[in-house]
Amino acid sequence: MKILLAEKSKLLISALMLVITQIKDSDVKEIGQILNVDKVVSLYEELKKEKPDVLIINGGFINHKTRDIIPELEMMYPGMAIMILSTDPELEEKYAEVGIRNFILKGNSAEDFYNSMVIFLRKEQDRF
């Protein structure tokens, strides 16, 4: 399973890489490559270059219009699972309106965040 992380904050990318590497080493062995981008242009370039199985993207990554772009990404890359990360719990319902059910709050406890990510990635690995 190939994962692409899209987050503007280099600190958060580092934290996400650490979490996903830990998950890869202990809970979801089928994770292969973990890529990351911190710019919108880089996101589109990376998606064209290598289609990931999973896109984990900050809810405000694309100029705070990520929600509007999701249907376009789904059409361009069918079969790619999308996980939204956000600090705003009210956004979960808005993403559900465009069909995104995979949503994790970044503000949850580290344990809740980790467990939610493991559940999501285990579900995705079962698709392959």
N, C-alpha and C. Protein backbone atom coordinates (compact mmCIF):
# COMPACT_ATOMS: atom_id res chain seq x y z
N MET A 1 0.85 -1.17 0.00
CA MET A 1 0.00 0.00 0.00
C MET A 1 0.90 1.23 0.00
N LYS A 2 0.62 2.15 -0.92
CA LYS A 2 1.38 3.39 -1.05
C LYS A 2 0.54 4.54 -0.49
N ILE A 3 1.16 5.35 0.38
CA ILE A 3 0.47 6.45 1.04
C ILE A 3 1.12 7.76 0.66
N LEU A 4 0.28 8.77 0.37
CA LEU A 4 0.75 10.13 0.13
C LEU A 4 0.15 11.04 1.19
N LEU A 5 1.03 11.75 1.91
CA LEU A 5 0.61 12.72 2.93
C LEU A 5 0.67 14.12 2.33
N ALA A 6 -0.41 14.87 2.45
CA ALA A 6 -0.45 16.25 1.95
C ALA A 6 -0.75 17.18 3.12
N GLU A 7 0.26 17.88 3.55
CA GLU A 7 0.17 18.76 4.72
C GLU A 7 1.18 19.89 4.53
N LYS A 8 0.78 21.12 4.82
CA LYS A 8 1.67 22.28 4.63
C LYS A 8 2.72 22.40 5.73
N SER A 9 2.37 22.02 6.94
CA SER A 9 3.29 22.17 8.07
C SER A 9 4.33 21.04 8.06
N LYS A 10 5.58 21.44 7.95
CA LYS A 10 6.65 20.45 7.96
C LYS A 10 6.71 19.69 9.29
N LEU A 11 6.36 20.38 10.38
CA LEU A 11 6.34 19.70 11.68
C LEU A 11 5.26 18.62 11.72
N LEU A 12 4.10 18.95 11.18
CA LEU A 12 3.02 17.95 11.18
C LEU A 12 3.34 16.81 10.23
N ILE A 13 3.98 17.11 9.08
CA ILE A 13 4.40 16.03 8.19
C ILE A 13 5.36 15.10 8.92
N SER A 14 6.30 15.67 9.65
CA SER A 14 7.25 14.83 10.42
C SER A 14 6.52 13.96 11.42
N ALA A 15 5.54 14.56 12.11
CA ALA A 15 4.77 13.79 13.09
C ALA A 15 3.96 12.68 12.41
N LEU A 16 3.33 13.00 11.28
CA LEU A 16 2.56 12.00 10.55
C LEU A 16 3.45 10.88 10.03
N MET A 17 4.62 11.24 9.51
CA MET A 17 5.57 10.22 9.04
C MET A 17 5.97 9.30 10.18
N LEU A 18 6.19 9.87 11.35
CA LEU A 18 6.55 9.07 12.52
C LEU A 18 5.42 8.12 12.89
N VAL A 19 4.20 8.64 12.93
CA VAL A 19 3.04 7.80 13.28
C VAL A 19 2.86 6.68 12.26
N ILE A 20 2.89 7.03 10.98
CA ILE A 20 2.64 6.01 9.96
C ILE A 20 3.78 5.01 9.88
N THR A 21 5.00 5.45 10.11
CA THR A 21 6.12 4.51 10.16
C THR A 21 5.95 3.56 11.33
N GLN A 22 5.52 4.07 12.48
CA GLN A 22 5.26 3.22 13.64
C GLN A 22 4.15 2.21 13.33
N ILE A 23 3.09 2.68 12.66
CA ILE A 23 1.99 1.79 12.28
C ILE A 23 2.52 0.72 11.32
N LYS A 24 3.34 1.13 10.37
CA LYS A 24 3.92 0.20 9.39
C LYS A 24 4.75 -0.86 10.09
N ASP A 25 5.51 -0.46 11.09
CA ASP A 25 6.39 -1.38 11.79
C ASP A 25 5.66 -2.31 12.75
N SER A 26 4.45 -1.91 13.18
CA SER A 26 3.82 -2.71 14.23
C SER A 26 2.41 -3.19 13.91
N ASP A 27 1.59 -2.36 13.27
CA ASP A 27 0.16 -2.69 13.17
C ASP A 27 -0.35 -2.97 11.76
N VAL A 28 0.26 -2.38 10.76
CA VAL A 28 -0.21 -2.57 9.38
C VAL A 28 1.02 -2.81 8.51
N LYS A 29 1.41 -4.05 8.41
CA LYS A 29 2.66 -4.41 7.73
C LYS A 29 2.62 -4.15 6.23
N GLU A 30 1.44 -4.04 5.63
CA GLU A 30 1.33 -3.91 4.18
C GLU A 30 1.62 -2.50 3.66
N ILE A 31 1.96 -1.57 4.53
CA ILE A 31 2.32 -0.24 4.07
C ILE A 31 3.70 -0.34 3.43
N GLY A 32 3.77 0.09 2.18
CA GLY A 32 5.05 0.07 1.48
C GLY A 32 5.67 1.44 1.51
N GLN A 33 5.36 2.23 0.50
CA GLN A 33 5.96 3.54 0.34
C GLN A 33 5.11 4.61 1.04
N ILE A 34 5.80 5.56 1.71
CA ILE A 34 5.14 6.70 2.33
C ILE A 34 5.77 7.95 1.73
N LEU A 35 4.98 8.69 0.97
CA LEU A 35 5.44 9.92 0.32
C LEU A 35 4.81 11.11 1.02
N ASN A 36 5.38 12.30 0.83
CA ASN A 36 4.73 13.48 1.40
C ASN A 36 4.97 14.69 0.52
N VAL A 37 4.02 15.62 0.58
CA VAL A 37 4.12 16.89 -0.11
C VAL A 37 3.66 17.99 0.84
N ASP A 38 4.24 19.19 0.66
CA ASP A 38 3.83 20.31 1.50
C ASP A 38 3.34 21.50 0.68
N LYS A 39 3.20 21.31 -0.65
CA LYS A 39 2.69 22.37 -1.53
C LYS A 39 1.63 21.77 -2.44
N VAL A 40 0.63 22.58 -2.79
CA VAL A 40 -0.46 22.11 -3.65
C VAL A 40 0.07 21.67 -5.00
N VAL A 41 0.98 22.44 -5.60
CA VAL A 41 1.55 22.08 -6.90
C VAL A 41 2.22 20.71 -6.79
N SER A 42 2.93 20.48 -5.72
CA SER A 42 3.60 19.20 -5.51
C SER A 42 2.60 18.06 -5.39
N LEU A 43 1.43 18.34 -4.83
CA LEU A 43 0.40 17.31 -4.71
C LEU A 43 0.00 16.81 -6.09
N TYR A 44 -0.33 17.72 -6.98
CA TYR A 44 -0.75 17.33 -8.32
C TYR A 44 0.38 16.65 -9.09
N GLU A 45 1.60 17.14 -8.92
CA GLU A 45 2.76 16.51 -9.58
C GLU A 45 2.94 15.07 -9.08
N GLU A 46 2.85 14.89 -7.79
CA GLU A 46 3.04 13.56 -7.20
C GLU A 46 1.91 12.62 -7.61
N LEU A 47 0.69 13.12 -7.66
CA LEU A 47 -0.44 12.29 -8.07
C LEU A 47 -0.29 11.85 -9.52
N LYS A 48 0.23 12.71 -10.38
CA LYS A 48 0.45 12.35 -11.77
C LYS A 48 1.57 11.31 -11.91
N LYS A 49 2.60 11.48 -11.08
CA LYS A 49 3.78 10.62 -11.15
C LYS A 49 3.48 9.22 -10.62
N GLU A 50 2.94 9.15 -9.43
CA GLU A 50 2.68 7.87 -8.77
C GLU A 50 1.34 7.94 -8.06
N LYS A 51 0.39 7.17 -8.55
CA LYS A 51 -0.93 7.17 -7.93
C LYS A 51 -0.86 6.40 -6.60
N PRO A 52 -1.10 7.09 -5.51
CA PRO A 52 -1.08 6.37 -4.23
C PRO A 52 -2.37 5.58 -4.02
N ASP A 53 -2.31 4.62 -3.15
CA ASP A 53 -3.51 3.88 -2.76
C ASP A 53 -4.32 4.69 -1.78
N VAL A 54 -3.61 5.50 -0.97
CA VAL A 54 -4.24 6.29 0.08
C VAL A 54 -3.67 7.71 0.05
N LEU A 55 -4.56 8.69 0.07
CA LEU A 55 -4.17 10.09 0.20
C LEU A 55 -4.67 10.56 1.56
N ILE A 56 -3.73 11.00 2.40
CA ILE A 56 -4.08 11.57 3.70
C ILE A 56 -3.79 13.07 3.56
N ILE A 57 -4.85 13.86 3.64
CA ILE A 57 -4.74 15.28 3.31
C ILE A 57 -5.36 16.16 4.39
N ASN A 58 -4.68 17.24 4.68
CA ASN A 58 -5.20 18.22 5.62
C ASN A 58 -6.45 18.85 5.02
N GLY A 59 -7.47 19.03 5.85
CA GLY A 59 -8.73 19.61 5.39
C GLY A 59 -8.61 20.99 4.78
N GLY A 60 -7.57 21.74 5.09
CA GLY A 60 -7.38 23.06 4.53
C GLY A 60 -6.19 23.14 3.59
N PHE A 61 -5.73 22.01 3.08
CA PHE A 61 -4.51 21.98 2.28
C PHE A 61 -4.59 22.81 1.01
N ILE A 62 -5.69 22.70 0.27
CA ILE A 62 -5.81 23.38 -1.01
C ILE A 62 -6.53 24.72 -0.81
N ASN A 63 -5.77 25.71 -0.35
CA ASN A 63 -6.31 27.06 -0.14
C ASN A 63 -7.66 27.05 0.55
N HIS A 64 -7.80 26.22 1.53
CA HIS A 64 -9.04 26.08 2.30
C HIS A 64 -10.23 25.69 1.42
N LYS A 65 -9.94 25.07 0.26
CA LYS A 65 -10.99 24.60 -0.64
C LYS A 65 -10.85 23.10 -0.89
N THR A 66 -10.18 22.43 -0.01
CA THR A 66 -9.94 21.00 -0.19
C THR A 66 -11.25 20.26 -0.43
N ARG A 67 -12.28 20.60 0.31
CA ARG A 67 -13.57 19.92 0.19
C ARG A 67 -14.12 19.99 -1.23
N ASP A 68 -13.94 21.12 -1.89
CA ASP A 68 -14.44 21.29 -3.25
C ASP A 68 -13.64 20.49 -4.27
N ILE A 69 -12.39 20.19 -3.98
CA ILE A 69 -11.50 19.50 -4.91
C ILE A 69 -11.63 17.98 -4.79
N ILE A 70 -12.11 17.49 -3.66
CA ILE A 70 -12.17 16.04 -3.43
C ILE A 70 -12.91 15.29 -4.53
N PRO A 71 -14.10 15.72 -4.97
CA PRO A 71 -14.77 14.97 -6.05
C PRO A 71 -13.92 14.89 -7.32
N GLU A 72 -13.20 15.97 -7.63
CA GLU A 72 -12.32 15.98 -8.80
C GLU A 72 -11.20 14.95 -8.63
N LEU A 73 -10.59 14.90 -7.44
CA LEU A 73 -9.53 13.93 -7.19
C LEU A 73 -10.06 12.50 -7.29
N GLU A 74 -11.26 12.28 -6.79
CA GLU A 74 -11.85 10.94 -6.86
C GLU A 74 -12.11 10.51 -8.31
N MET A 75 -12.51 11.45 -9.16
CA MET A 75 -12.74 11.11 -10.57
C MET A 75 -11.41 10.85 -11.28
N MET A 76 -10.40 11.65 -10.98
CA MET A 76 -9.10 11.50 -11.62
C MET A 76 -8.40 10.22 -11.18
N TYR A 77 -8.61 9.82 -9.92
CA TYR A 77 -7.90 8.68 -9.34
C TYR A 77 -8.88 7.73 -8.65
N PRO A 78 -9.73 7.07 -9.43
CA PRO A 78 -10.70 6.16 -8.81
C PRO A 78 -9.97 5.04 -8.05
N GLY A 79 -10.54 4.66 -6.95
CA GLY A 79 -9.93 3.61 -6.15
C GLY A 79 -8.97 4.13 -5.10
N MET A 80 -8.56 5.39 -5.21
CA MET A 80 -7.67 5.97 -4.20
C MET A 80 -8.51 6.36 -2.99
N ALA A 81 -8.17 5.83 -1.83
CA ALA A 81 -8.88 6.20 -0.61
C ALA A 81 -8.37 7.55 -0.13
N ILE A 82 -9.28 8.35 0.41
CA ILE A 82 -8.91 9.68 0.90
C ILE A 82 -9.29 9.80 2.38
N MET A 83 -8.31 10.20 3.17
CA MET A 83 -8.52 10.48 4.60
C MET A 83 -8.30 11.96 4.82
N ILE A 84 -9.25 12.61 5.47
CA ILE A 84 -9.15 14.04 5.78
C ILE A 84 -8.72 14.20 7.24
N LEU A 85 -7.73 15.05 7.46
CA LEU A 85 -7.31 15.43 8.81
C LEU A 85 -7.72 16.87 9.04
N SER A 86 -8.27 17.14 10.20
CA SER A 86 -8.68 18.51 10.51
C SER A 86 -8.71 18.72 12.02
N THR A 87 -8.66 19.98 12.40
CA THR A 87 -8.82 20.33 13.81
C THR A 87 -10.26 20.76 14.09
N ASP A 88 -11.07 20.87 13.04
CA ASP A 88 -12.44 21.36 13.16
C ASP A 88 -13.45 20.22 13.07
N PRO A 89 -14.07 19.83 14.18
CA PRO A 89 -15.01 18.70 14.14
C PRO A 89 -16.25 18.98 13.29
N GLU A 90 -16.59 20.24 13.08
CA GLU A 90 -17.76 20.57 12.26
C GLU A 90 -17.53 20.26 10.78
N LEU A 91 -16.28 20.16 10.37
CA LEU A 91 -15.98 19.86 8.97
C LEU A 91 -16.31 18.42 8.60
N GLU A 92 -16.37 17.55 9.58
CA GLU A 92 -16.64 16.15 9.29
C GLU A 92 -17.96 15.99 8.52
N GLU A 93 -18.98 16.69 8.95
CA GLU A 93 -20.28 16.62 8.28
C GLU A 93 -20.20 17.19 6.86
N LYS A 94 -19.43 18.26 6.68
CA LYS A 94 -19.29 18.86 5.35
C LYS A 94 -18.57 17.92 4.39
N TYR A 95 -17.57 17.21 4.88
CA TYR A 95 -16.89 16.23 4.03
C TYR A 95 -17.79 15.03 3.75
N ALA A 96 -18.60 14.66 4.70
CA ALA A 96 -19.55 13.56 4.48
C ALA A 96 -20.51 13.90 3.34
N GLU A 97 -20.85 15.18 3.21
CA GLU A 97 -21.75 15.62 2.13
C GLU A 97 -21.17 15.36 0.75
N VAL A 98 -19.83 15.34 0.61
CA VAL A 98 -19.21 15.03 -0.68
C VAL A 98 -18.73 13.58 -0.74
N GLY A 99 -19.19 12.78 0.22
CA GLY A 99 -18.91 11.35 0.18
C GLY A 99 -17.67 10.88 0.91
N ILE A 100 -17.00 11.77 1.63
CA ILE A 100 -15.80 11.37 2.37
C ILE A 100 -16.20 10.97 3.79
N ARG A 101 -16.00 9.72 4.10
CA ARG A 101 -16.35 9.20 5.43
C ARG A 101 -15.11 9.04 6.32
N ASN A 102 -13.94 9.16 5.72
CA ASN A 102 -12.70 8.97 6.47
C ASN A 102 -12.21 10.32 6.95
N PHE A 103 -12.34 10.55 8.25
CA PHE A 103 -12.06 11.85 8.84
C PHE A 103 -11.46 11.63 10.22
N ILE A 104 -10.33 12.25 10.49
CA ILE A 104 -9.70 12.15 11.81
C ILE A 104 -9.42 13.56 12.32
N LEU A 105 -9.77 13.79 13.56
CA LEU A 105 -9.46 15.08 14.19
C LEU A 105 -8.01 15.08 14.66
N LYS A 106 -7.26 16.09 14.24
CA LYS A 106 -5.86 16.22 14.66
C LYS A 106 -5.77 16.61 16.12
N GLY A 107 -6.82 17.17 16.67
CA GLY A 107 -6.78 17.64 18.05
C GLY A 107 -7.09 16.56 19.08
N ASN A 108 -7.42 15.37 18.62
CA ASN A 108 -7.69 14.28 19.57
C ASN A 108 -6.42 13.89 20.30
N SER A 109 -6.56 13.08 21.32
CA SER A 109 -5.38 12.60 22.04
C SER A 109 -4.52 11.80 21.07
N ALA A 110 -3.25 11.69 21.38
CA ALA A 110 -2.33 10.94 20.53
C ALA A 110 -2.80 9.49 20.38
N GLU A 111 -3.30 8.91 21.46
CA GLU A 111 -3.77 7.53 21.40
C GLU A 111 -4.99 7.39 20.49
N ASP A 112 -5.95 8.32 20.61
CA ASP A 112 -7.13 8.28 19.74
C ASP A 112 -6.74 8.47 18.28
N PHE A 113 -5.84 9.41 18.04
CA PHE A 113 -5.39 9.67 16.67
C PHE A 113 -4.73 8.41 16.10
N TYR A 114 -3.83 7.83 16.84
CA TYR A 114 -3.11 6.63 16.39
C TYR A 114 -4.10 5.49 16.11
N ASN A 115 -5.00 5.25 17.05
CA ASN A 115 -5.97 4.16 16.88
C ASN A 115 -6.87 4.39 15.67
N SER A 116 -7.31 5.62 15.47
CA SER A 116 -8.14 5.95 14.30
C SER A 116 -7.38 5.71 13.01
N MET A 117 -6.12 6.08 12.99
CA MET A 117 -5.30 5.88 11.79
C MET A 117 -5.09 4.39 11.52
N VAL A 118 -4.85 3.61 12.56
CA VAL A 118 -4.66 2.17 12.41
C VAL A 118 -5.94 1.53 11.85
N ILE A 119 -7.08 1.89 12.40
CA ILE A 119 -8.36 1.34 11.93
C ILE A 119 -8.54 1.66 10.45
N PHE A 120 -8.30 2.91 10.07
CA PHE A 120 -8.45 3.31 8.67
C PHE A 120 -7.49 2.53 7.77
N LEU A 121 -6.22 2.45 8.13
CA LEU A 121 -5.24 1.79 7.27
C LEU A 121 -5.46 0.28 7.20
N ARG A 122 -5.91 -0.32 8.28
CA ARG A 122 -6.24 -1.76 8.23
C ARG A 122 -7.41 -2.01 7.28
N LYS A 123 -8.40 -1.13 7.33
CA LYS A 123 -9.54 -1.25 6.43
C LYS A 123 -9.08 -1.13 4.99
N GLU A 124 -8.19 -0.21 4.72
CA GLU A 124 -7.69 -0.01 3.36
C GLU A 124 -6.84 -1.17 2.89
N GLN A 125 -6.04 -1.73 3.76
CA GLN A 125 -5.20 -2.86 3.34
C GLN A 125 -6.04 -4.05 2.93
N ASP A 126 -7.24 -4.18 3.50
CA ASP A 126 -8.11 -5.30 3.15
C ASP A 126 -8.63 -5.19 1.73
N ARG A 127 -8.55 -3.99 1.15
CA ARG A 127 -9.00 -3.81 -0.25
C ARG A 127 -8.00 -4.36 -1.24
N PHE A 128 -6.77 -4.61 -0.81
CA PHE A 128 -5.74 -5.01 -1.76
C PHE A 128 -5.44 -6.49 -1.68
